[in-house]
Amino acid sequence: MKLVKLSTIGFILVCLSGCSTLGLGSKDDGSLNGDGVIVEDRGTSANGVGGDGVSGSDFGDGAETQVIVGEGAFQGDILDDPANALSNRVVYFEYDSSSVRQEDQITLEAHASYLADHPTASIRLEGHTDQRGSREYNLALGERRALAIRQILMIQGASINQFQVTSFGEERPQNEGDSEVNWQNNRRVELIYTGR
């Protein structure tokens, strides 16, 4: 009797350790349940093979397995998820420059990917400058900045018909004042989704 109990406990431990080696819970294709917890369905498909290539008989005939991946996952629109690069929709520029900074590349890659995956999405690129320089010069600089962003997004898969480019030059400052901190915040392109 003692041997049967030890065998049963050993079998359970082997099964539990086998679940982690099979990679259960490692896929990113889960969905949210009502409690905001990502749950992955690891049931069998029509051919009796589960999502990980494991036959249904390994978990009992026709059994469905669900694995909880995490709690407190963001439930809103992906564009507003603070943990996602898509939530950053402002790109800043150096003085008198329309060159995109290296640190903004990840943000732009995320937006390009989103636009490529959502061909009906549309975006307005609003170019802004600080108040130094003439009004005409700043309007042209704001437009060059917005066009630079558009070019990067298109190279990475977005379509030209998804864009509207606008320049406000110095007319809509993010911060008022004559200091470098204020000027830095005003030299920007805002990415505004107008259709999703």
C-alpha atoms as a PDB file:
ATOM      1  CA  MET A   1       0.000   0.000   0.000  1.00  0.00           C
ATOM      2  CA  LYS A   2       2.864   2.342   0.848  1.00  0.00           C
ATOM      3  CA  LEU A   3       4.474   1.598  -2.522  1.00  0.00           C
ATOM      4  CA  VAL A   4       1.226   2.482  -4.343  1.00  0.00           C
ATOM      5  CA  LYS A   5       1.021   5.857  -2.519  1.00  0.00           C
ATOM      6  CA  LEU A   6       4.653   6.648  -3.316  1.00  0.00           C
ATOM      7  CA  SER A   7       4.130   5.658  -6.951  1.00  0.00           C
ATOM      8  CA  THR A   8       1.049   7.870  -7.181  1.00  0.00           C
ATOM      9  CA  ILE A   9       2.876  10.858  -5.653  1.00  0.00           C
ATOM     10  CA  GLY A  10       5.833  10.274  -7.965  1.00  0.00           C
ATOM     11  CA  PHE A  11       3.543  10.114 -10.988  1.00  0.00           C
ATOM     12  CA  ILE A  12       1.863  13.403 -10.023  1.00  0.00           C
ATOM     13  CA  LEU A  13       5.234  15.112  -9.577  1.00  0.00           C
ATOM     14  CA  VAL A  14       6.428  13.846 -12.962  1.00  0.00           C
ATOM     15  CA  CYS A  15       3.229  15.114 -14.594  1.00  0.00           C
ATOM     16  CA  LEU A  16       3.575  18.536 -12.974  1.00  0.00           C
ATOM     17  CA  SER A  17       7.193  18.899 -14.009  1.00  0.00           C
ATOM     18  CA  GLY A  18       6.256  17.712 -17.505  1.00  0.00           C
ATOM     19  CA  CYS A  19       3.779  20.582 -17.832  1.00  0.00           C
ATOM     20  CA  SER A  20       6.552  23.130 -17.482  1.00  0.00           C
ATOM     21  CA  THR A  21       8.770  21.286 -19.967  1.00  0.00           C
ATOM     22  CA  LEU A  22       5.956  21.215 -22.499  1.00  0.00           C
ATOM     23  CA  GLY A  23       5.929  25.022 -22.402  1.00  0.00           C
ATOM     24  CA  LEU A  24       2.410  25.383 -21.092  1.00  0.00           C
ATOM     25  CA  GLY A  25       1.767  29.031 -20.456  1.00  0.00           C
ATOM     26  CA  SER A  26       4.546  30.164 -22.779  1.00  0.00           C
ATOM     27  CA  LYS A  27       2.454  31.237 -25.752  1.00  0.00           C
ATOM     28  CA  ASP A  28       1.352  34.850 -26.165  1.00  0.00           C
ATOM     29  CA  ASP A  29      -1.982  34.083 -27.803  1.00  0.00           C
ATOM     30  CA  GLY A  30      -4.129  34.134 -24.666  1.00  0.00           C
ATOM     31  CA  SER A  31      -7.299  36.091 -24.160  1.00  0.00           C
ATOM     32  CA  LEU A  32      -8.705  37.950 -21.185  1.00  0.00           C
ATOM     33  CA  ASN A  33     -11.369  36.357 -19.051  1.00  0.00           C
ATOM     34  CA  GLY A  34     -13.894  38.415 -17.083  1.00  0.00           C
ATOM     35  CA  ASP A  35     -11.441  38.963 -14.209  1.00  0.00           C
ATOM     36  CA  GLY A  36      -8.737  40.577 -16.346  1.00  0.00           C
ATOM     37  CA  VAL A  37      -6.611  37.417 -16.283  1.00  0.00           C
ATOM     38  CA  ILE A  38      -5.073  36.099 -19.488  1.00  0.00           C
ATOM     39  CA  VAL A  39      -6.172  32.531 -20.048  1.00  0.00           C
ATOM     40  CA  GLU A  40      -4.888  30.278 -22.769  1.00  0.00           C
ATOM     41  CA  ASP A  41      -6.959  27.430 -24.124  1.00  0.00           C
ATOM     42  CA  ARG A  42      -4.792  24.337 -24.439  1.00  0.00           C
ATOM     43  CA  GLY A  43      -7.585  22.013 -25.524  1.00  0.00           C
ATOM     44  CA  THR A  44      -7.394  19.542 -28.351  1.00  0.00           C
ATOM     45  CA  SER A  45      -8.010  20.411 -31.959  1.00  0.00           C
ATOM     46  CA  ALA A  46     -10.135  18.400 -34.343  1.00  0.00           C
ATOM     47  CA  ASN A  47      -7.268  15.984 -34.990  1.00  0.00           C
ATOM     48  CA  GLY A  48      -6.775  15.262 -31.293  1.00  0.00           C
ATOM     49  CA  VAL A  49      -3.600  17.291 -31.016  1.00  0.00           C
ATOM     50  CA  GLY A  50      -3.429  20.149 -28.546  1.00  0.00           C
ATOM     51  CA  GLY A  51      -2.089  23.627 -29.272  1.00  0.00           C
ATOM     52  CA  ASP A  52       1.449  22.590 -28.318  1.00  0.00           C
ATOM     53  CA  GLY A  53       1.527  19.435 -30.444  1.00  0.00           C
ATOM     54  CA  VAL A  54       0.554  17.324 -27.424  1.00  0.00           C
ATOM     55  CA  SER A  55      -2.157  14.817 -28.065  1.00  0.00           C
ATOM     56  CA  GLY A  56      -5.366  15.112 -26.100  1.00  0.00           C
ATOM     57  CA  SER A  57      -4.791  11.702 -24.560  1.00  0.00           C
ATOM     58  CA  ASP A  58      -1.777  13.093 -22.694  1.00  0.00           C
ATOM     59  CA  PHE A  59      -4.212  15.159 -20.610  1.00  0.00           C
ATOM     60  CA  GLY A  60      -7.103  12.745 -20.689  1.00  0.00           C
ATOM     61  CA  ASP A  61      -9.201  12.125 -23.766  1.00  0.00           C
ATOM     62  CA  GLY A  62     -10.643  15.395 -25.064  1.00  0.00           C
ATOM     63  CA  ALA A  63      -9.677  17.286 -21.922  1.00  0.00           C
ATOM     64  CA  GLU A  64      -9.245  21.030 -22.177  1.00  0.00           C
ATOM     65  CA  THR A  65      -6.527  22.743 -20.215  1.00  0.00           C
ATOM     66  CA  GLN A  66      -6.382  26.428 -19.350  1.00  0.00           C
ATOM     67  CA  VAL A  67      -3.283  28.123 -18.056  1.00  0.00           C
ATOM     68  CA  ILE A  68      -3.390  31.457 -16.252  1.00  0.00           C
ATOM     69  CA  VAL A  69      -0.637  33.671 -17.665  1.00  0.00           C
ATOM     70  CA  GLY A  70      -0.944  36.773 -15.490  1.00  0.00           C
ATOM     71  CA  GLU A  71      -3.253  39.043 -13.602  1.00  0.00           C
ATOM     72  CA  GLY A  72      -3.933  42.755 -13.969  1.00  0.00           C
ATOM     73  CA  ALA A  73      -3.296  42.821 -17.718  1.00  0.00           C
ATOM     74  CA  PHE A  74      -4.248  46.037 -19.530  1.00  0.00           C
ATOM     75  CA  GLN A  75      -7.797  45.751 -20.849  1.00  0.00           C
ATOM     76  CA  GLY A  76      -8.162  48.924 -22.954  1.00  0.00           C
ATOM     77  CA  ASP A  77      -7.127  49.856 -26.467  1.00  0.00           C
ATOM     78  CA  ILE A  78      -3.574  48.771 -27.303  1.00  0.00           C
ATOM     79  CA  LEU A  79      -2.792  52.352 -28.374  1.00  0.00           C
ATOM     80  CA  ASP A  80      -3.404  53.487 -24.797  1.00  0.00           C
ATOM     81  CA  ASP A  81      -1.551  50.713 -22.969  1.00  0.00           C
ATOM     82  CA  PRO A  82       1.142  52.537 -20.955  1.00  0.00           C
ATOM     83  CA  ALA A  83       3.401  49.471 -21.154  1.00  0.00           C
ATOM     84  CA  ASN A  84       3.293  49.550 -24.969  1.00  0.00           C
ATOM     85  CA  ALA A  85       5.442  51.834 -27.149  1.00  0.00           C
ATOM     86  CA  LEU A  86       2.251  52.797 -29.016  1.00  0.00           C
ATOM     87  CA  SER A  87       1.150  54.912 -26.038  1.00  0.00           C
ATOM     88  CA  ASN A  88       4.010  57.321 -26.801  1.00  0.00           C
ATOM     89  CA  ARG A  89       2.709  59.541 -29.578  1.00  0.00           C
ATOM     90  CA  VAL A  90       5.119  62.477 -29.421  1.00  0.00           C
ATOM     91  CA  VAL A  91       8.552  62.567 -31.064  1.00  0.00           C
ATOM     92  CA  TYR A  92      10.923  65.385 -30.084  1.00  0.00           C
ATOM     93  CA  PHE A  93      13.614  67.040 -32.195  1.00  0.00           C
ATOM     94  CA  GLU A  94      16.863  68.922 -31.693  1.00  0.00           C
ATOM     95  CA  TYR A  95      17.070  72.632 -32.426  1.00  0.00           C
ATOM     96  CA  ASP A  96      16.643  73.519 -36.123  1.00  0.00           C
ATOM     97  CA  SER A  97      16.613  69.819 -37.088  1.00  0.00           C
ATOM     98  CA  SER A  98      14.225  67.403 -38.743  1.00  0.00           C
ATOM     99  CA  SER A  99      16.418  64.356 -38.041  1.00  0.00           C
ATOM    100  CA  VAL A 100      14.731  61.703 -35.906  1.00  0.00           C
ATOM    101  CA  ARG A 101      16.664  60.814 -32.775  1.00  0.00           C
ATOM    102  CA  GLN A 102      17.853  57.239 -32.237  1.00  0.00           C
ATOM    103  CA  GLU A 103      15.879  56.904 -28.978  1.00  0.00           C
ATOM    104  CA  ASP A 104      12.590  57.391 -30.884  1.00  0.00           C
ATOM    105  CA  GLN A 105      13.167  54.487 -33.287  1.00  0.00           C
ATOM    106  CA  ILE A 106      11.442  51.879 -31.067  1.00  0.00           C
ATOM    107  CA  THR A 107       8.354  54.073 -30.802  1.00  0.00           C
ATOM    108  CA  LEU A 108       8.229  54.600 -34.560  1.00  0.00           C
ATOM    109  CA  GLU A 109       8.751  50.889 -35.261  1.00  0.00           C
ATOM    110  CA  ALA A 110       5.757  50.090 -33.038  1.00  0.00           C
ATOM    111  CA  HIS A 111       3.563  52.649 -34.835  1.00  0.00           C
ATOM    112  CA  ALA A 112       4.700  51.445 -38.263  1.00  0.00           C
ATOM    113  CA  SER A 113       3.865  47.869 -37.313  1.00  0.00           C
ATOM    114  CA  TYR A 114       0.439  48.912 -35.997  1.00  0.00           C
ATOM    115  CA  LEU A 115      -0.334  50.874 -39.170  1.00  0.00           C
ATOM    116  CA  ALA A 116       0.837  48.008 -41.390  1.00  0.00           C
ATOM    117  CA  ASP A 117      -1.345  45.547 -39.450  1.00  0.00           C
ATOM    118  CA  HIS A 118      -4.349  47.923 -39.493  1.00  0.00           C
ATOM    119  CA  PRO A 119      -4.589  49.237 -43.080  1.00  0.00           C
ATOM    120  CA  THR A 120      -7.805  51.137 -42.320  1.00  0.00           C
ATOM    121  CA  ALA A 121      -6.145  53.099 -39.488  1.00  0.00           C
ATOM    122  CA  SER A 122      -5.287  56.709 -40.237  1.00  0.00           C
ATOM    123  CA  ILE A 123      -2.971  59.113 -38.501  1.00  0.00           C
ATOM    124  CA  ARG A 124      -2.334  62.857 -38.540  1.00  0.00           C
ATOM    125  CA  LEU A 125       1.273  63.966 -38.099  1.00  0.00           C
ATOM    126  CA  GLU A 126       1.390  67.455 -36.583  1.00  0.00           C
ATOM    127  CA  GLY A 127       4.749  69.222 -36.833  1.00  0.00           C
ATOM    128  CA  HIS A 128       5.689  71.874 -34.244  1.00  0.00           C
ATOM    129  CA  THR A 129       8.659  74.125 -33.546  1.00  0.00           C
ATOM    130  CA  ASP A 130       9.809  76.525 -30.867  1.00  0.00           C
ATOM    131  CA  GLN A 131       9.300  80.256 -31.448  1.00  0.00           C
ATOM    132  CA  ARG A 132      12.817  81.038 -32.631  1.00  0.00           C
ATOM    133  CA  GLY A 133      12.946  81.821 -36.347  1.00  0.00           C
ATOM    134  CA  SER A 134      10.408  83.432 -38.664  1.00  0.00           C
ATOM    135  CA  ARG A 135       6.832  82.190 -38.903  1.00  0.00           C
ATOM    136  CA  GLU A 136       7.382  80.940 -42.478  1.00  0.00           C
ATOM    137  CA  TYR A 137      10.610  79.158 -41.582  1.00  0.00           C
ATOM    138  CA  ASN A 138       8.975  77.435 -38.604  1.00  0.00           C
ATOM    139  CA  LEU A 139       5.991  76.287 -40.682  1.00  0.00           C
ATOM    140  CA  ALA A 140       8.398  74.716 -43.183  1.00  0.00           C
ATOM    141  CA  LEU A 141      10.487  73.133 -40.398  1.00  0.00           C
ATOM    142  CA  GLY A 142       7.376  71.664 -38.743  1.00  0.00           C
ATOM    143  CA  GLU A 143       6.359  70.174 -42.074  1.00  0.00           C
ATOM    144  CA  ARG A 144       9.843  68.692 -42.657  1.00  0.00           C
ATOM    145  CA  ARG A 145       9.679  67.069 -39.224  1.00  0.00           C
ATOM    146  CA  ALA A 146       6.260  65.529 -39.904  1.00  0.00           C
ATOM    147  CA  LEU A 147       7.408  64.308 -43.325  1.00  0.00           C
ATOM    148  CA  ALA A 148      10.504  62.724 -41.759  1.00  0.00           C
ATOM    149  CA  ILE A 149       8.260  60.734 -39.414  1.00  0.00           C
ATOM    150  CA  ARG A 150       5.977  59.750 -42.300  1.00  0.00           C
ATOM    151  CA  GLN A 151       8.940  58.533 -44.346  1.00  0.00           C
ATOM    152  CA  ILE A 152      10.196  56.316 -41.519  1.00  0.00           C
ATOM    153  CA  LEU A 153       6.728  54.852 -40.931  1.00  0.00           C
ATOM    154  CA  MET A 154       6.245  54.164 -44.649  1.00  0.00           C
ATOM    155  CA  ILE A 155       9.653  52.504 -45.003  1.00  0.00           C
ATOM    156  CA  GLN A 156       8.614  50.158 -42.206  1.00  0.00           C
ATOM    157  CA  GLY A 157       5.289  49.146 -43.763  1.00  0.00           C
ATOM    158  CA  ALA A 158       2.663  51.899 -43.401  1.00  0.00           C
ATOM    159  CA  SER A 159       0.811  53.099 -46.504  1.00  0.00           C
ATOM    160  CA  ILE A 160       0.867  56.697 -47.754  1.00  0.00           C
ATOM    161  CA  ASN A 161      -2.940  56.884 -47.762  1.00  0.00           C
ATOM    162  CA  GLN A 162      -2.934  56.454 -43.951  1.00  0.00           C
ATOM    163  CA  PHE A 163      -1.343  59.870 -43.366  1.00  0.00           C
ATOM    164  CA  GLN A 164      -2.311  63.494 -43.113  1.00  0.00           C
ATOM    165  CA  VAL A 165       0.619  65.880 -42.579  1.00  0.00           C
ATOM    166  CA  THR A 166       0.094  69.249 -40.913  1.00  0.00           C
ATOM    167  CA  SER A 167       2.507  71.895 -39.666  1.00  0.00           C
ATOM    168  CA  PHE A 168       1.635  74.400 -36.972  1.00  0.00           C
ATOM    169  CA  GLY A 169       5.152  75.799 -36.703  1.00  0.00           C
ATOM    170  CA  GLU A 170       5.374  77.833 -33.511  1.00  0.00           C
ATOM    171  CA  GLU A 171       1.603  78.469 -33.277  1.00  0.00           C
ATOM    172  CA  ARG A 172       0.697  75.736 -30.761  1.00  0.00           C
ATOM    173  CA  PRO A 173       3.443  75.511 -28.145  1.00  0.00           C
ATOM    174  CA  GLN A 174       3.279  72.727 -25.603  1.00  0.00           C
ATOM    175  CA  ASN A 175       5.021  74.991 -23.077  1.00  0.00           C
ATOM    176  CA  GLU A 176       5.119  78.789 -22.950  1.00  0.00           C
ATOM    177  CA  GLY A 177       8.316  80.571 -22.011  1.00  0.00           C
ATOM    178  CA  ASP A 178      11.770  81.483 -23.207  1.00  0.00           C
ATOM    179  CA  SER A 179      13.920  78.727 -21.782  1.00  0.00           C
ATOM    180  CA  GLU A 180      15.639  75.727 -23.316  1.00  0.00           C
ATOM    181  CA  VAL A 181      13.376  73.338 -21.380  1.00  0.00           C
ATOM    182  CA  ASN A 182      10.265  74.941 -22.871  1.00  0.00           C
ATOM    183  CA  TRP A 183      11.786  75.093 -26.354  1.00  0.00           C
ATOM    184  CA  GLN A 184      12.732  71.381 -26.208  1.00  0.00           C
ATOM    185  CA  ASN A 185       9.123  70.414 -25.454  1.00  0.00           C
ATOM    186  CA  ASN A 186       7.848  72.542 -28.342  1.00  0.00           C
ATOM    187  CA  ARG A 187      10.099  70.942 -31.001  1.00  0.00           C
ATOM    188  CA  ARG A 188       7.961  67.904 -31.712  1.00  0.00           C
ATOM    189  CA  VAL A 189       5.717  65.879 -33.993  1.00  0.00           C
ATOM    190  CA  GLU A 190       2.488  64.563 -32.508  1.00  0.00           C
ATOM    191  CA  LEU A 191       1.077  61.308 -33.881  1.00  0.00           C
ATOM    192  CA  ILE A 192      -2.704  61.554 -33.647  1.00  0.00           C
ATOM    193  CA  TYR A 193      -4.832  58.582 -34.695  1.00  0.00           C
ATOM    194  CA  THR A 194      -7.920  59.843 -36.489  1.00  0.00           C
ATOM    195  CA  GLY A 195      -9.311  56.444 -37.450  1.00  0.00           C
ATOM    196  CA  ARG A 196      -8.678  52.943 -36.129  1.00  0.00           C
END
